[in-house]
C-alpha atoms as a PDB file:
ATOM      1  CA  MET A   1      65.286 -16.240  99.925  1.00  0.00           C
ATOM      2  CA  GLN A   2      68.543 -16.344  98.017  1.00  0.00           C
ATOM      3  CA  PRO A   3      69.494 -13.191  96.059  1.00  0.00           C
ATOM      4  CA  VAL A   4      68.477 -13.173  92.410  1.00  0.00           C
ATOM      5  CA  PRO A   5      71.660 -13.723  90.343  1.00  0.00           C
ATOM      6  CA  ILE A   6      71.662 -11.020  87.664  1.00  0.00           C
ATOM      7  CA  GLN A   7      73.889  -8.269  86.319  1.00  0.00           C
ATOM      8  CA  PRO A   8      71.334  -6.319  84.290  1.00  0.00           C
ATOM      9  CA  ASP A   9      72.062  -3.905  81.470  1.00  0.00           C
ATOM     10  CA  ARG A  10      68.541  -2.467  81.210  1.00  0.00           C
ATOM     11  CA  ILE A  11      66.259  -2.067  84.234  1.00  0.00           C
ATOM     12  CA  LEU A  12      62.601  -1.013  84.382  1.00  0.00           C
ATOM     13  CA  ILE A  13      60.902   0.194  87.573  1.00  0.00           C
ATOM     14  CA  LEU A  14      57.116  -0.047  87.401  1.00  0.00           C
ATOM     15  CA  LEU A  15      55.333   2.334  89.761  1.00  0.00           C
ATOM     16  CA  PHE A  16      52.759   4.453  87.983  1.00  0.00           C
ATOM     17  CA  GLY A  17      51.125   5.776  91.107  1.00  0.00           C
ATOM     18  CA  ALA A  18      50.688   8.625  93.457  1.00  0.00           C
ATOM     19  CA  ILE A  19      53.266  11.263  94.320  1.00  0.00           C
ATOM     20  CA  GLY A  20      53.709   9.875  97.816  1.00  0.00           C
ATOM     21  CA  ASP A  21      54.362   6.357  96.570  1.00  0.00           C
ATOM     22  CA  VAL A  22      56.872   7.476  93.964  1.00  0.00           C
ATOM     23  CA  THR A  23      58.667   9.616  96.548  1.00  0.00           C
ATOM     24  CA  ARG A  24      58.947   6.664  98.929  1.00  0.00           C
ATOM     25  CA  ALA A  25      60.377   4.469  96.173  1.00  0.00           C
ATOM     26  CA  LEU A  26      63.261   6.856  95.438  1.00  0.00           C
ATOM     27  CA  PRO A  27      65.558   5.214  98.027  1.00  0.00           C
ATOM     28  CA  LEU A  28      65.133   1.960  96.104  1.00  0.00           C
ATOM     29  CA  LEU A  29      66.067   3.764  92.890  1.00  0.00           C
ATOM     30  CA  THR A  30      69.240   5.213  94.384  1.00  0.00           C
ATOM     31  CA  ARG A  31      70.216   1.850  95.849  1.00  0.00           C
ATOM     32  CA  VAL A  32      69.671   0.124  92.500  1.00  0.00           C
ATOM     33  CA  ARG A  33      71.829   2.755  90.803  1.00  0.00           C
ATOM     34  CA  ARG A  34      74.649   2.209  93.280  1.00  0.00           C
ATOM     35  CA  GLY A  35      74.345  -1.546  92.819  1.00  0.00           C
ATOM     36  CA  TYR A  36      74.351  -1.368  89.003  1.00  0.00           C
ATOM     37  CA  PRO A  37      76.272   1.825  88.164  1.00  0.00           C
ATOM     38  CA  GLN A  38      76.512   1.088  84.421  1.00  0.00           C
ATOM     39  CA  ALA A  39      72.910  -0.028  83.863  1.00  0.00           C
ATOM     40  CA  HIS A  40      70.274   1.921  81.952  1.00  0.00           C
ATOM     41  CA  ILE A  41      67.420   2.571  84.430  1.00  0.00           C
ATOM     42  CA  ALA A  42      63.950   3.552  83.261  1.00  0.00           C
ATOM     43  CA  TRP A  43      60.836   4.269  85.322  1.00  0.00           C
ATOM     44  CA  ALA A  44      57.286   3.837  84.033  1.00  0.00           C
ATOM     45  CA  VAL A  45      55.076   6.438  85.716  1.00  0.00           C
ATOM     46  CA  GLU A  46      51.962   8.514  85.227  1.00  0.00           C
ATOM     47  CA  PRO A  47      52.297  12.257  84.472  1.00  0.00           C
ATOM     48  CA  ALA A  48      51.248  13.488  87.941  1.00  0.00           C
ATOM     49  CA  ALA A  49      54.333  12.004  89.615  1.00  0.00           C
ATOM     50  CA  ALA A  50      56.695  12.054  86.637  1.00  0.00           C
ATOM     51  CA  ARG A  51      58.110  15.475  87.418  1.00  0.00           C
ATOM     52  CA  LEU A  52      59.568  14.136  90.654  1.00  0.00           C
ATOM     53  CA  LEU A  53      61.980  12.113  88.544  1.00  0.00           C
ATOM     54  CA  GLU A  54      63.254  15.036  86.483  1.00  0.00           C
ATOM     55  CA  ALA A  55      66.960  15.738  86.997  1.00  0.00           C
ATOM     56  CA  HIS A  56      67.310  12.723  89.281  1.00  0.00           C
ATOM     57  CA  PRO A  57      70.890  11.464  88.895  1.00  0.00           C
ATOM     58  CA  ALA A  58      69.894   7.780  89.078  1.00  0.00           C
ATOM     59  CA  ILE A  59      67.396   7.889  86.193  1.00  0.00           C
ATOM     60  CA  ASN A  60      68.211   7.480  82.508  1.00  0.00           C
ATOM     61  CA  GLU A  61      64.690   7.482  81.124  1.00  0.00           C
ATOM     62  CA  VAL A  62      61.114   8.237  82.188  1.00  0.00           C
ATOM     63  CA  LEU A  63      58.363   6.341  80.357  1.00  0.00           C
ATOM     64  CA  LEU A  64      55.002   8.064  80.642  1.00  0.00           C
ATOM     65  CA  TYR A  65      51.768   6.149  80.894  1.00  0.00           C
ATOM     66  CA  ASP A  66      48.860   8.572  80.646  1.00  0.00           C
ATOM     67  CA  ARG A  67      45.734   6.659  81.560  1.00  0.00           C
ATOM     68  CA  SER A  68      43.641   9.801  81.083  1.00  0.00           C
ATOM     69  CA  GLN A  69      43.908   9.037  77.375  1.00  0.00           C
ATOM     70  CA  GLY A  70      41.838   5.895  77.913  1.00  0.00           C
ATOM     71  CA  PRO A  71      42.452   2.253  76.912  1.00  0.00           C
ATOM     72  CA  ARG A  72      43.810   3.255  73.508  1.00  0.00           C
ATOM     73  CA  GLN A  73      46.966   4.502  75.205  1.00  0.00           C
ATOM     74  CA  PHE A  74      47.737   1.161  76.828  1.00  0.00           C
ATOM     75  CA  TRP A  75      48.622  -0.802  73.691  1.00  0.00           C
ATOM     76  CA  PRO A  76      51.224   1.712  72.382  1.00  0.00           C
ATOM     77  CA  PHE A  77      52.656   1.869  75.908  1.00  0.00           C
ATOM     78  CA  LEU A  78      53.035  -1.927  75.964  1.00  0.00           C
ATOM     79  CA  GLN A  79      54.754  -1.839  72.586  1.00  0.00           C
ATOM     80  CA  THR A  80      57.198   0.770  73.874  1.00  0.00           C
ATOM     81  CA  ILE A  81      58.011  -1.390  76.885  1.00  0.00           C
ATOM     82  CA  ARG A  82      58.716  -4.431  74.732  1.00  0.00           C
ATOM     83  CA  ASP A  83      60.858  -2.453  72.289  1.00  0.00           C
ATOM     84  CA  LYS A  84      63.107  -1.299  75.146  1.00  0.00           C
ATOM     85  CA  GLN A  85      64.302  -4.907  75.733  1.00  0.00           C
ATOM     86  CA  PHE A  86      64.656  -4.736  79.496  1.00  0.00           C
ATOM     87  CA  ASP A  87      66.362  -7.624  81.243  1.00  0.00           C
ATOM     88  CA  LEU A  88      65.176  -6.758  84.777  1.00  0.00           C
ATOM     89  CA  VAL A  89      61.768  -5.438  85.842  1.00  0.00           C
ATOM     90  CA  LEU A  90      60.901  -4.339  89.383  1.00  0.00           C
ATOM     91  CA  ASP A  91      57.113  -4.323  89.656  1.00  0.00           C
ATOM     92  CA  LEU A  92      56.211  -2.185  92.665  1.00  0.00           C
ATOM     93  CA  GLN A  93      52.563  -1.716  91.748  1.00  0.00           C
ATOM     94  CA  ARG A  94      50.960  -5.026  92.857  1.00  0.00           C
ATOM     95  CA  HIS A  95      47.944  -5.130  90.509  1.00  0.00           C
ATOM     96  CA  ALA A  96      46.974  -6.751  87.201  1.00  0.00           C
ATOM     97  CA  LYS A  97      47.924  -3.833  84.955  1.00  0.00           C
ATOM     98  CA  SER A  98      51.493  -3.606  86.197  1.00  0.00           C
ATOM     99  CA  GLY A  99      51.761  -7.387  86.106  1.00  0.00           C
ATOM    100  CA  LEU A 100      50.716  -7.378  82.470  1.00  0.00           C
ATOM    101  CA  VAL A 101      53.303  -4.698  81.660  1.00  0.00           C
ATOM    102  CA  SER A 102      55.973  -6.719  83.450  1.00  0.00           C
ATOM    103  CA  LEU A 103      55.025  -9.901  81.599  1.00  0.00           C
ATOM    104  CA  TRP A 104      54.792  -8.125  78.246  1.00  0.00           C
ATOM    105  CA  SER A 105      58.311  -6.763  78.652  1.00  0.00           C
ATOM    106  CA  ARG A 106      59.696 -10.285  78.209  1.00  0.00           C
ATOM    107  CA  ALA A 107      62.449  -9.433  80.674  1.00  0.00           C
ATOM    108  CA  PRO A 108      64.058 -12.690  81.826  1.00  0.00           C
ATOM    109  CA  VAL A 109      63.953 -11.517  85.466  1.00  0.00           C
ATOM    110  CA  ARG A 110      60.807  -9.850  86.792  1.00  0.00           C
ATOM    111  CA  VAL A 111      60.548  -9.216  90.524  1.00  0.00           C
ATOM    112  CA  GLY A 112      57.265  -8.364  92.231  1.00  0.00           C
ATOM    113  CA  PHE A 113      55.532  -8.486  95.578  1.00  0.00           C
ATOM    114  CA  HIS A 114      54.713 -11.811  97.205  1.00  0.00           C
ATOM    115  CA  ARG A 115      51.389 -13.416  96.406  1.00  0.00           C
ATOM    116  CA  GLN A 116      50.070 -12.443  99.859  1.00  0.00           C
ATOM    117  CA  ASN A 117      50.598  -8.749  99.077  1.00  0.00           C
ATOM    118  CA  THR A 118      49.265  -8.524  95.510  1.00  0.00           C
ATOM    119  CA  LYS A 119      45.911  -8.172  93.797  1.00  0.00           C
ATOM    120  CA  GLU A 120      44.304  -9.568  90.651  1.00  0.00           C
ATOM    121  CA  GLY A 121      46.874 -12.307  90.073  1.00  0.00           C
ATOM    122  CA  ASN A 122      49.775  -9.873  89.726  1.00  0.00           C
ATOM    123  CA  TRP A 123      52.248 -12.393  91.183  1.00  0.00           C
ATOM    124  CA  LEU A 124      51.627 -14.796  88.285  1.00  0.00           C
ATOM    125  CA  CYS A 125      53.253 -12.333  85.877  1.00  0.00           C
ATOM    126  CA  ASN A 126      56.640 -12.183  87.595  1.00  0.00           C
ATOM    127  CA  THR A 127      59.486 -14.679  87.797  1.00  0.00           C
ATOM    128  CA  HIS A 128      60.537 -13.828  91.353  1.00  0.00           C
ATOM    129  CA  THR A 129      58.936 -12.246  94.417  1.00  0.00           C
ATOM    130  CA  ILE A 130      60.149 -10.609  97.581  1.00  0.00           C
ATOM    131  CA  ASP A 131      59.302 -12.138 100.955  1.00  0.00           C
ATOM    132  CA  PRO A 132      55.823 -11.393 102.332  1.00  0.00           C
ATOM    133  CA  VAL A 133      55.573  -8.023 104.064  1.00  0.00           C
ATOM    134  CA  PRO A 134      53.013  -6.871 106.641  1.00  0.00           C
ATOM    135  CA  ASP A 135      50.431  -4.706 104.906  1.00  0.00           C
ATOM    136  CA  PHE A 136      50.688  -2.248 107.780  1.00  0.00           C
ATOM    137  CA  SER A 137      54.396  -1.555 107.530  1.00  0.00           C
ATOM    138  CA  LEU A 138      56.236   1.406 106.023  1.00  0.00           C
ATOM    139  CA  LYS A 139      55.964   1.381 102.244  1.00  0.00           C
ATOM    140  CA  LEU A 140      59.495   2.746 101.967  1.00  0.00           C
ATOM    141  CA  TRP A 141      60.842  -0.381 103.637  1.00  0.00           C
ATOM    142  CA  GLN A 142      58.580  -2.577 101.516  1.00  0.00           C
ATOM    143  CA  TYR A 143      60.111  -1.089  98.374  1.00  0.00           C
ATOM    144  CA  LEU A 144      63.642  -1.553  99.713  1.00  0.00           C
ATOM    145  CA  ARG A 145      62.953  -5.277 100.040  1.00  0.00           C
ATOM    146  CA  PHE A 146      63.386  -5.404  96.250  1.00  0.00           C
ATOM    147  CA  ALA A 147      67.012  -4.305  96.649  1.00  0.00           C
ATOM    148  CA  ASP A 148      67.460  -6.981  99.316  1.00  0.00           C
ATOM    149  CA  ARG A 149      66.038  -9.578  96.917  1.00  0.00           C
ATOM    150  CA  LEU A 150      68.688  -8.583  94.380  1.00  0.00           C
ATOM    151  CA  GLY A 151      71.423  -8.866  96.999  1.00  0.00           C
ATOM    152  CA  LEU A 152      72.374  -5.191  96.758  1.00  0.00           C
ATOM    153  CA  PRO A 153      74.333  -3.636  99.623  1.00  0.00           C
ATOM    154  CA  ASP A 154      72.273  -1.785 102.206  1.00  0.00           C
ATOM    155  CA  ASP A 155      74.009   1.573 102.249  1.00  0.00           C
ATOM    156  CA  GLY A 156      71.338   3.772 103.743  1.00  0.00           C
ATOM    157  CA  VAL A 157      68.287   5.706 102.615  1.00  0.00           C
ATOM    158  CA  THR A 158      68.888   8.416 100.024  1.00  0.00           C
ATOM    159  CA  PHE A 159      66.180  10.259  98.062  1.00  0.00           C
ATOM    160  CA  ASP A 160      68.478  12.573  96.085  1.00  0.00           C
ATOM    161  CA  LEU A 161      65.801  15.026  94.935  1.00  0.00           C
ATOM    162  CA  ARG A 162      67.423  17.932  93.109  1.00  0.00           C
ATOM    163  CA  LEU A 163      66.444  21.142  91.361  1.00  0.00           C
ATOM    164  CA  ARG A 164      68.035  22.805  88.366  1.00  0.00           C
ATOM    165  CA  GLU A 165      69.550  26.270  88.753  1.00  0.00           C
ATOM    166  CA  GLU A 166      66.647  27.964  86.986  1.00  0.00           C
ATOM    167  CA  GLU A 167      64.216  26.160  89.283  1.00  0.00           C
ATOM    168  CA  GLU A 168      66.110  27.388  92.336  1.00  0.00           C
ATOM    169  CA  ARG A 169      65.827  30.955  91.048  1.00  0.00           C
ATOM    170  CA  HIS A 170      62.087  30.499  90.510  1.00  0.00           C
ATOM    171  CA  ILE A 171      61.623  29.354  94.120  1.00  0.00           C
ATOM    172  CA  ASP A 172      63.620  32.310  95.393  1.00  0.00           C
ATOM    173  CA  ALA A 173      61.276  34.608  93.463  1.00  0.00           C
ATOM    174  CA  LEU A 174      58.162  32.865  94.846  1.00  0.00           C
ATOM    175  CA  LEU A 175      59.433  33.323  98.405  1.00  0.00           C
ATOM    176  CA  ALA A 176      61.004  36.756  97.986  1.00  0.00           C
ATOM    177  CA  GLU A 177      58.542  38.432 100.404  1.00  0.00           C
ATOM    178  CA  THR A 178      58.351  35.548 102.877  1.00  0.00           C
ATOM    179  CA  PRO A 179      59.974  36.096 106.308  1.00  0.00           C
ATOM    180  CA  ARG A 180      62.655  33.569 107.271  1.00  0.00           C
ATOM    181  CA  PRO A 181      62.644  31.120 108.866  1.00  0.00           C
ATOM    182  CA  TYR A 182      59.222  29.914 107.813  1.00  0.00           C
ATOM    183  CA  VAL A 183      56.874  27.003 108.398  1.00  0.00           C
ATOM    184  CA  ALA A 184      55.255  25.376 105.361  1.00  0.00           C
ATOM    185  CA  PHE A 185      51.698  24.132 105.849  1.00  0.00           C
ATOM    186  CA  PHE A 186      50.582  21.542 103.285  1.00  0.00           C
ATOM    187  CA  LEU A 187      46.841  21.935 103.581  1.00  0.00           C
ATOM    188  CA  GLY A 188      45.119  19.135 101.752  1.00  0.00           C
ATOM    189  CA  SER A 189      45.086  15.640 100.377  1.00  0.00           C
ATOM    190  CA  ARG A 190      43.343  13.647  97.678  1.00  0.00           C
ATOM    191  CA  TRP A 191      40.877  12.497 100.366  1.00  0.00           C
ATOM    192  CA  PRO A 192      38.705  15.110 102.109  1.00  0.00           C
ATOM    193  CA  SER A 193      38.635  12.854 105.174  1.00  0.00           C
ATOM    194  CA  ARG A 194      42.310  13.660 105.861  1.00  0.00           C
ATOM    195  CA  PHE A 195      41.993  17.444 106.095  1.00  0.00           C
ATOM    196  CA  TRP A 196      42.631  19.311 109.340  1.00  0.00           C
ATOM    197  CA  PHE A 197      40.859  22.686 109.916  1.00  0.00           C
ATOM    198  CA  PRO A 198      41.534  26.308 108.844  1.00  0.00           C
ATOM    199  CA  ALA A 199      41.033  27.906 112.276  1.00  0.00           C
ATOM    200  CA  ALA A 200      43.361  25.388 113.941  1.00  0.00           C
ATOM    201  CA  THR A 201      45.956  25.871 111.202  1.00  0.00           C
ATOM    202  CA  ALA A 202      45.809  29.639 111.663  1.00  0.00           C
ATOM    203  CA  GLN A 203      46.190  29.331 115.438  1.00  0.00           C
ATOM    204  CA  VAL A 204      49.364  27.297 115.030  1.00  0.00           C
ATOM    205  CA  ALA A 205      50.788  29.684 112.417  1.00  0.00           C
ATOM    206  CA  ARG A 206      50.001  32.754 114.524  1.00  0.00           C
ATOM    207  CA  THR A 207      51.590  31.260 117.655  1.00  0.00           C
ATOM    208  CA  LEU A 208      54.764  30.255 115.806  1.00  0.00           C
ATOM    209  CA  GLN A 209      55.020  33.798 114.465  1.00  0.00           C
ATOM    210  CA  GLN A 210      54.647  35.227 117.965  1.00  0.00           C
ATOM    211  CA  GLU A 211      57.044  32.819 119.663  1.00  0.00           C
ATOM    212  CA  TYR A 212      59.671  32.276 116.967  1.00  0.00           C
ATOM    213  CA  ASP A 213      59.100  35.105 114.491  1.00  0.00           C
ATOM    214  CA  MET A 214      58.383  32.527 111.788  1.00  0.00           C
ATOM    215  CA  GLY A 215      56.882  33.198 108.401  1.00  0.00           C
ATOM    216  CA  THR A 216      53.988  31.131 107.078  1.00  0.00           C
ATOM    217  CA  VAL A 217      53.706  29.478 103.662  1.00  0.00           C
ATOM    218  CA  LEU A 218      50.446  27.798 102.603  1.00  0.00           C
ATOM    219  CA  ILE A 219      50.734  25.006 100.048  1.00  0.00           C
ATOM    220  CA  GLY A 220      47.945  23.217  98.235  1.00  0.00           C
ATOM    221  CA  GLY A 221      46.406  22.522  94.889  1.00  0.00           C
ATOM    222  CA  PRO A 222      43.648  24.601  93.300  1.00  0.00           C
ATOM    223  CA  GLY A 223      41.127  22.635  95.354  1.00  0.00           C
ATOM    224  CA  GLU A 224      42.674  23.934  98.579  1.00  0.00           C
ATOM    225  CA  ALA A 225      42.433  27.625  97.634  1.00  0.00           C
ATOM    226  CA  GLY A 226      39.268  28.068  99.680  1.00  0.00           C
ATOM    227  CA  PHE A 227      40.918  26.426 102.696  1.00  0.00           C
ATOM    228  CA  ALA A 228      43.925  28.739 102.297  1.00  0.00           C
ATOM    229  CA  ASN A 229      41.649  31.778 102.111  1.00  0.00           C
ATOM    230  CA  GLN A 230      40.018  30.758 105.381  1.00  0.00           C
ATOM    231  CA  VAL A 231      43.425  30.350 107.031  1.00  0.00           C
ATOM    232  CA  SER A 232      44.527  33.775 105.807  1.00  0.00           C
ATOM    233  CA  ALA A 233      41.311  35.357 107.052  1.00  0.00           C
ATOM    234  CA  ALA A 234      41.686  33.723 110.477  1.00  0.00           C
ATOM    235  CA  LEU A 235      45.295  34.914 110.768  1.00  0.00           C
ATOM    236  CA  GLY A 236      44.219  38.524 110.931  1.00  0.00           C
ATOM    237  CA  GLU A 237      47.277  40.761 111.048  1.00  0.00           C
ATOM    238  CA  THR A 238      49.648  37.805 110.720  1.00  0.00           C
ATOM    239  CA  THR A 239      50.446  37.552 107.031  1.00  0.00           C
ATOM    240  CA  ALA A 240      50.993  34.355 105.072  1.00  0.00           C
ATOM    241  CA  THR A 241      52.448  33.558 101.671  1.00  0.00           C
ATOM    242  CA  ASP A 242      49.550  31.786  99.983  1.00  0.00           C
ATOM    243  CA  LEU A 243      50.879  29.538  97.204  1.00  0.00           C
ATOM    244  CA  SER A 244      47.791  27.321  96.925  1.00  0.00           C
ATOM    245  CA  GLY A 245      47.194  26.475  93.290  1.00  0.00           C
ATOM    246  CA  LYS A 246      50.408  28.225  92.253  1.00  0.00           C
ATOM    247  CA  THR A 247      53.045  25.508  92.584  1.00  0.00           C
ATOM    248  CA  SER A 248      54.192  22.412  90.742  1.00  0.00           C
ATOM    249  CA  VAL A 249      55.610  19.238  92.229  1.00  0.00           C
ATOM    250  CA  ARG A 250      59.057  20.583  91.366  1.00  0.00           C
ATOM    251  CA  ASP A 251      58.320  23.819  93.237  1.00  0.00           C
ATOM    252  CA  LEU A 252      57.456  21.848  96.373  1.00  0.00           C
ATOM    253  CA  ILE A 253      60.964  20.416  96.492  1.00  0.00           C
ATOM    254  CA  GLY A 254      62.484  23.882  96.711  1.00  0.00           C
ATOM    255  CA  ILE A 255      59.861  25.288  99.078  1.00  0.00           C
ATOM    256  CA  PHE A 256      60.327  22.458 101.564  1.00  0.00           C
ATOM    257  CA  LEU A 257      64.110  22.584 101.241  1.00  0.00           C
ATOM    258  CA  ARG A 258      64.019  26.191 102.468  1.00  0.00           C
ATOM    259  CA  ALA A 259      61.428  25.567 105.204  1.00  0.00           C
ATOM    260  CA  ARG A 260      62.389  25.230 108.847  1.00  0.00           C
ATOM    261  CA  LEU A 261      59.360  23.060 109.588  1.00  0.00           C
ATOM    262  CA  SER A 262      56.376  21.581 107.751  1.00  0.00           C
ATOM    263  CA  ILE A 263      52.918  20.642 109.043  1.00  0.00           C
ATOM    264  CA  GLY A 264      49.900  18.903 107.527  1.00  0.00           C
ATOM    265  CA  PRO A 265      47.917  15.709 106.884  1.00  0.00           C
ATOM    266  CA  ASP A 266      48.826  12.489 105.115  1.00  0.00           C
ATOM    267  CA  SER A 267      49.538  13.509 101.507  1.00  0.00           C
ATOM    268  CA  GLY A 268      52.083  13.464  98.700  1.00  0.00           C
ATOM    269  CA  PRO A 269      53.616  16.819  99.743  1.00  0.00           C
ATOM    270  CA  MET A 270      54.181  15.372 103.219  1.00  0.00           C
ATOM    271  CA  HIS A 271      56.510  12.760 101.740  1.00  0.00           C
ATOM    272  CA  ILE A 272      58.325  15.326  99.588  1.00  0.00           C
ATOM    273  CA  ALA A 273      58.993  17.430 102.701  1.00  0.00           C
ATOM    274  CA  ALA A 274      60.416  14.392 104.485  1.00  0.00           C
ATOM    275  CA  ALA A 275      62.482  13.389 101.454  1.00  0.00           C
ATOM    276  CA  VAL A 276      64.355  16.713 101.409  1.00  0.00           C
ATOM    277  CA  GLY A 277      65.057  16.481 105.142  1.00  0.00           C
ATOM    278  CA  THR A 278      62.586  19.012 106.516  1.00  0.00           C
ATOM    279  CA  PRO A 279      61.032  18.076 109.891  1.00  0.00           C
ATOM    280  CA  VAL A 280      57.390  17.091 109.344  1.00  0.00           C
ATOM    281  CA  ILE A 281      54.594  17.239 111.903  1.00  0.00           C
ATOM    282  CA  SER A 282      52.074  14.869 110.355  1.00  0.00           C
ATOM    283  CA  LEU A 283      48.378  14.679 111.303  1.00  0.00           C
ATOM    284  CA  TRP A 284      46.553  11.350 111.077  1.00  0.00           C
ATOM    285  CA  GLY A 285      42.993  10.088 111.315  1.00  0.00           C
ATOM    286  CA  ALA A 286      41.536   8.316 108.295  1.00  0.00           C
ATOM    287  CA  THR A 287      44.854   6.631 107.459  1.00  0.00           C
ATOM    288  CA  SER A 288      47.666   5.108 109.495  1.00  0.00           C
ATOM    289  CA  PRO A 289      51.224   6.321 110.095  1.00  0.00           C
ATOM    290  CA  ILE A 290      52.243   2.705 110.649  1.00  0.00           C
ATOM    291  CA  ARG A 291      52.162   2.376 106.874  1.00  0.00           C
ATOM    292  CA  SER A 292      52.882   5.905 105.714  1.00  0.00           C
ATOM    293  CA  ALA A 293      54.690   7.974 108.348  1.00  0.00           C
ATOM    294  CA  PRO A 294      57.085  10.510 106.786  1.00  0.00           C
ATOM    295  CA  TRP A 295      60.662   9.261 106.780  1.00  0.00           C
ATOM    296  CA  GLY A 296      62.788  10.702 109.586  1.00  0.00           C
ATOM    297  CA  SER A 297      59.890  12.442 111.347  1.00  0.00           C
ATOM    298  CA  GLU A 298      58.325   9.495 113.124  1.00  0.00           C
ATOM    299  CA  ASP A 299      58.654  11.353 116.463  1.00  0.00           C
ATOM    300  CA  PHE A 300      56.383  14.108 115.175  1.00  0.00           C
ATOM    301  CA  VAL A 301      53.339  11.978 114.329  1.00  0.00           C
ATOM    302  CA  LEU A 302      49.987  13.038 115.811  1.00  0.00           C
ATOM    303  CA  ARG A 303      46.994  10.691 115.683  1.00  0.00           C
ATOM    304  CA  GLY A 304      43.408  11.692 116.347  1.00  0.00           C
ATOM    305  CA  PRO A 305      41.890   9.004 118.583  1.00  0.00           C
ATOM    306  CA  ALA A 306      38.567   7.664 117.314  1.00  0.00           C
ATOM    307  CA  ALA A 307      36.987   4.223 117.380  1.00  0.00           C
ATOM    308  CA  CYS A 308      36.709   4.233 113.573  1.00  0.00           C
ATOM    309  CA  SER A 309      40.308   5.317 112.897  1.00  0.00           C
ATOM    310  CA  PRO A 310      41.923   4.429 110.573  1.00  0.00           C
ATOM    311  CA  CYS A 311      38.890   3.962 108.342  1.00  0.00           C
ATOM    312  CA  TYR A 312      40.595   4.412 104.950  1.00  0.00           C
ATOM    313  CA  THR A 313      37.516   6.105 103.532  1.00  0.00           C
ATOM    314  CA  ARG A 314      37.661   9.107 101.218  1.00  0.00           C
ATOM    315  CA  ASP A 315      34.700  10.976 102.717  1.00  0.00           C
ATOM    316  CA  CYS A 316      33.841  11.121 106.401  1.00  0.00           C
ATOM    317  CA  ARG A 317      30.222  11.109 107.572  1.00  0.00           C
ATOM    318  CA  ILE A 318      30.957  12.265 111.123  1.00  0.00           C
ATOM    319  CA  GLN A 319      32.764  15.578 110.450  1.00  0.00           C
ATOM    320  CA  ARG A 320      36.264  14.103 110.771  1.00  0.00           C
ATOM    321  CA  ALA A 321      35.923  13.343 114.472  1.00  0.00           C
ATOM    322  CA  CYS A 322      39.451  11.914 114.512  1.00  0.00           C
ATOM    323  CA  MET A 323      41.011  15.089 113.097  1.00  0.00           C
ATOM    324  CA  GLN A 324      38.968  17.260 115.471  1.00  0.00           C
ATOM    325  CA  ARG A 325      40.739  15.512 118.343  1.00  0.00           C
ATOM    326  CA  ILE A 326      44.134  16.817 117.170  1.00  0.00           C
ATOM    327  CA  THR A 327      44.439  20.154 118.932  1.00  0.00           C
ATOM    328  CA  PRO A 328      46.547  23.195 117.996  1.00  0.00           C
ATOM    329  CA  GLU A 329      48.368  22.902 121.324  1.00  0.00           C
ATOM    330  CA  GLN A 330      49.405  19.314 120.491  1.00  0.00           C
ATOM    331  CA  VAL A 331      50.779  20.504 117.169  1.00  0.00           C
ATOM    332  CA  LEU A 332      52.571  23.403 118.839  1.00  0.00           C
ATOM    333  CA  GLU A 333      54.143  21.062 121.392  1.00  0.00           C
ATOM    334  CA  LYS A 334      55.635  19.024 118.534  1.00  0.00           C
ATOM    335  CA  ALA A 335      56.670  22.200 116.703  1.00  0.00           C
ATOM    336  CA  ARG A 336      58.477  23.582 119.727  1.00  0.00           C
ATOM    337  CA  ALA A 337      60.277  20.278 120.247  1.00  0.00           C
ATOM    338  CA  SER A 338      61.480  20.323 116.656  1.00  0.00           C
ATOM    339  CA  LEU A 339      62.493  23.983 116.622  1.00  0.00           C
ATOM    340  CA  GLU A 340      64.358  23.727 119.890  1.00  0.00           C
ATOM    341  CA  ARG A 341      66.386  20.740 118.733  1.00  0.00           C
ATOM    342  CA  GLY A 342      68.219  23.049 116.373  1.00  0.00           C
ATOM    343  CA  GLN A 343      68.893  22.286 112.755  1.00  0.00           C
ATOM    344  CA  PRO A 344      72.071  22.794 110.710  1.00  0.00           C
ATOM    345  CA  THR A 345      71.957  25.825 108.429  1.00  0.00           C
END
């Protein structure tokens, strides 16, 4: 396809979604900013992922869509979009709701996914599409196809996540008692089927402490507090900094930036760790790394072999057989390979 001829003044990125998706779209954002340095760039996003965009140098405006407020919130949101008078919309969401927002904007150029890759007639709402992409291909590259469609120079992948000075001080306080270097374990996911196991996690943490004198940081939401407690109990005399339920999305940026290594299942925190350049050992069963492997850590992917994997189901009826087949020794082999490569300080 020929590049879309436009020099926009006001750009809207539509990606409401999950933390992992928003993280993987940041390289598109930075590339759009470099391509249109004078443009006003806004991003429409839901509150859960909005904090990722705070202090990002490529963003001028964050437009919140809070669907927890119910359908009544949608009409005022649409009115806000129209009032902003965007002339370019990049619809990364693929479904009817984002298509309607794109159409309602009245932007003269609206770029979305190809018909083959959308749902609910989304493609009908946009004026241009990118080329078809394989469904099982890295989402990060799928998002960058939008920059290709605009004819923007391909100048590399940059996430550019940053913290403010006061946020850096807060992270230093959180980790004040944590031995350095440390490994950050992100424990959970939105889907229970993706979880690994507390005893296996503890075995890896304990061995890394013995072999490399590494500290351990446990990261998770309030729902992972029980998992973290089980890990801490299994560690015995090996202590861990348990931050489950005590961190924000912004905190994760700083925690991973300071980590020597990170380990855990397919999740939003996994992508944040990769985005800040921390090596990630990622554990896969219910979902596929072909679509979602953490950027830059493709060599550290571990898949649990099972006939039903990837099933893409939220709850597993066979006790996560795929994840059971990922052993602590396999994880440690990847960890040793990463640690022995050496990383710049």
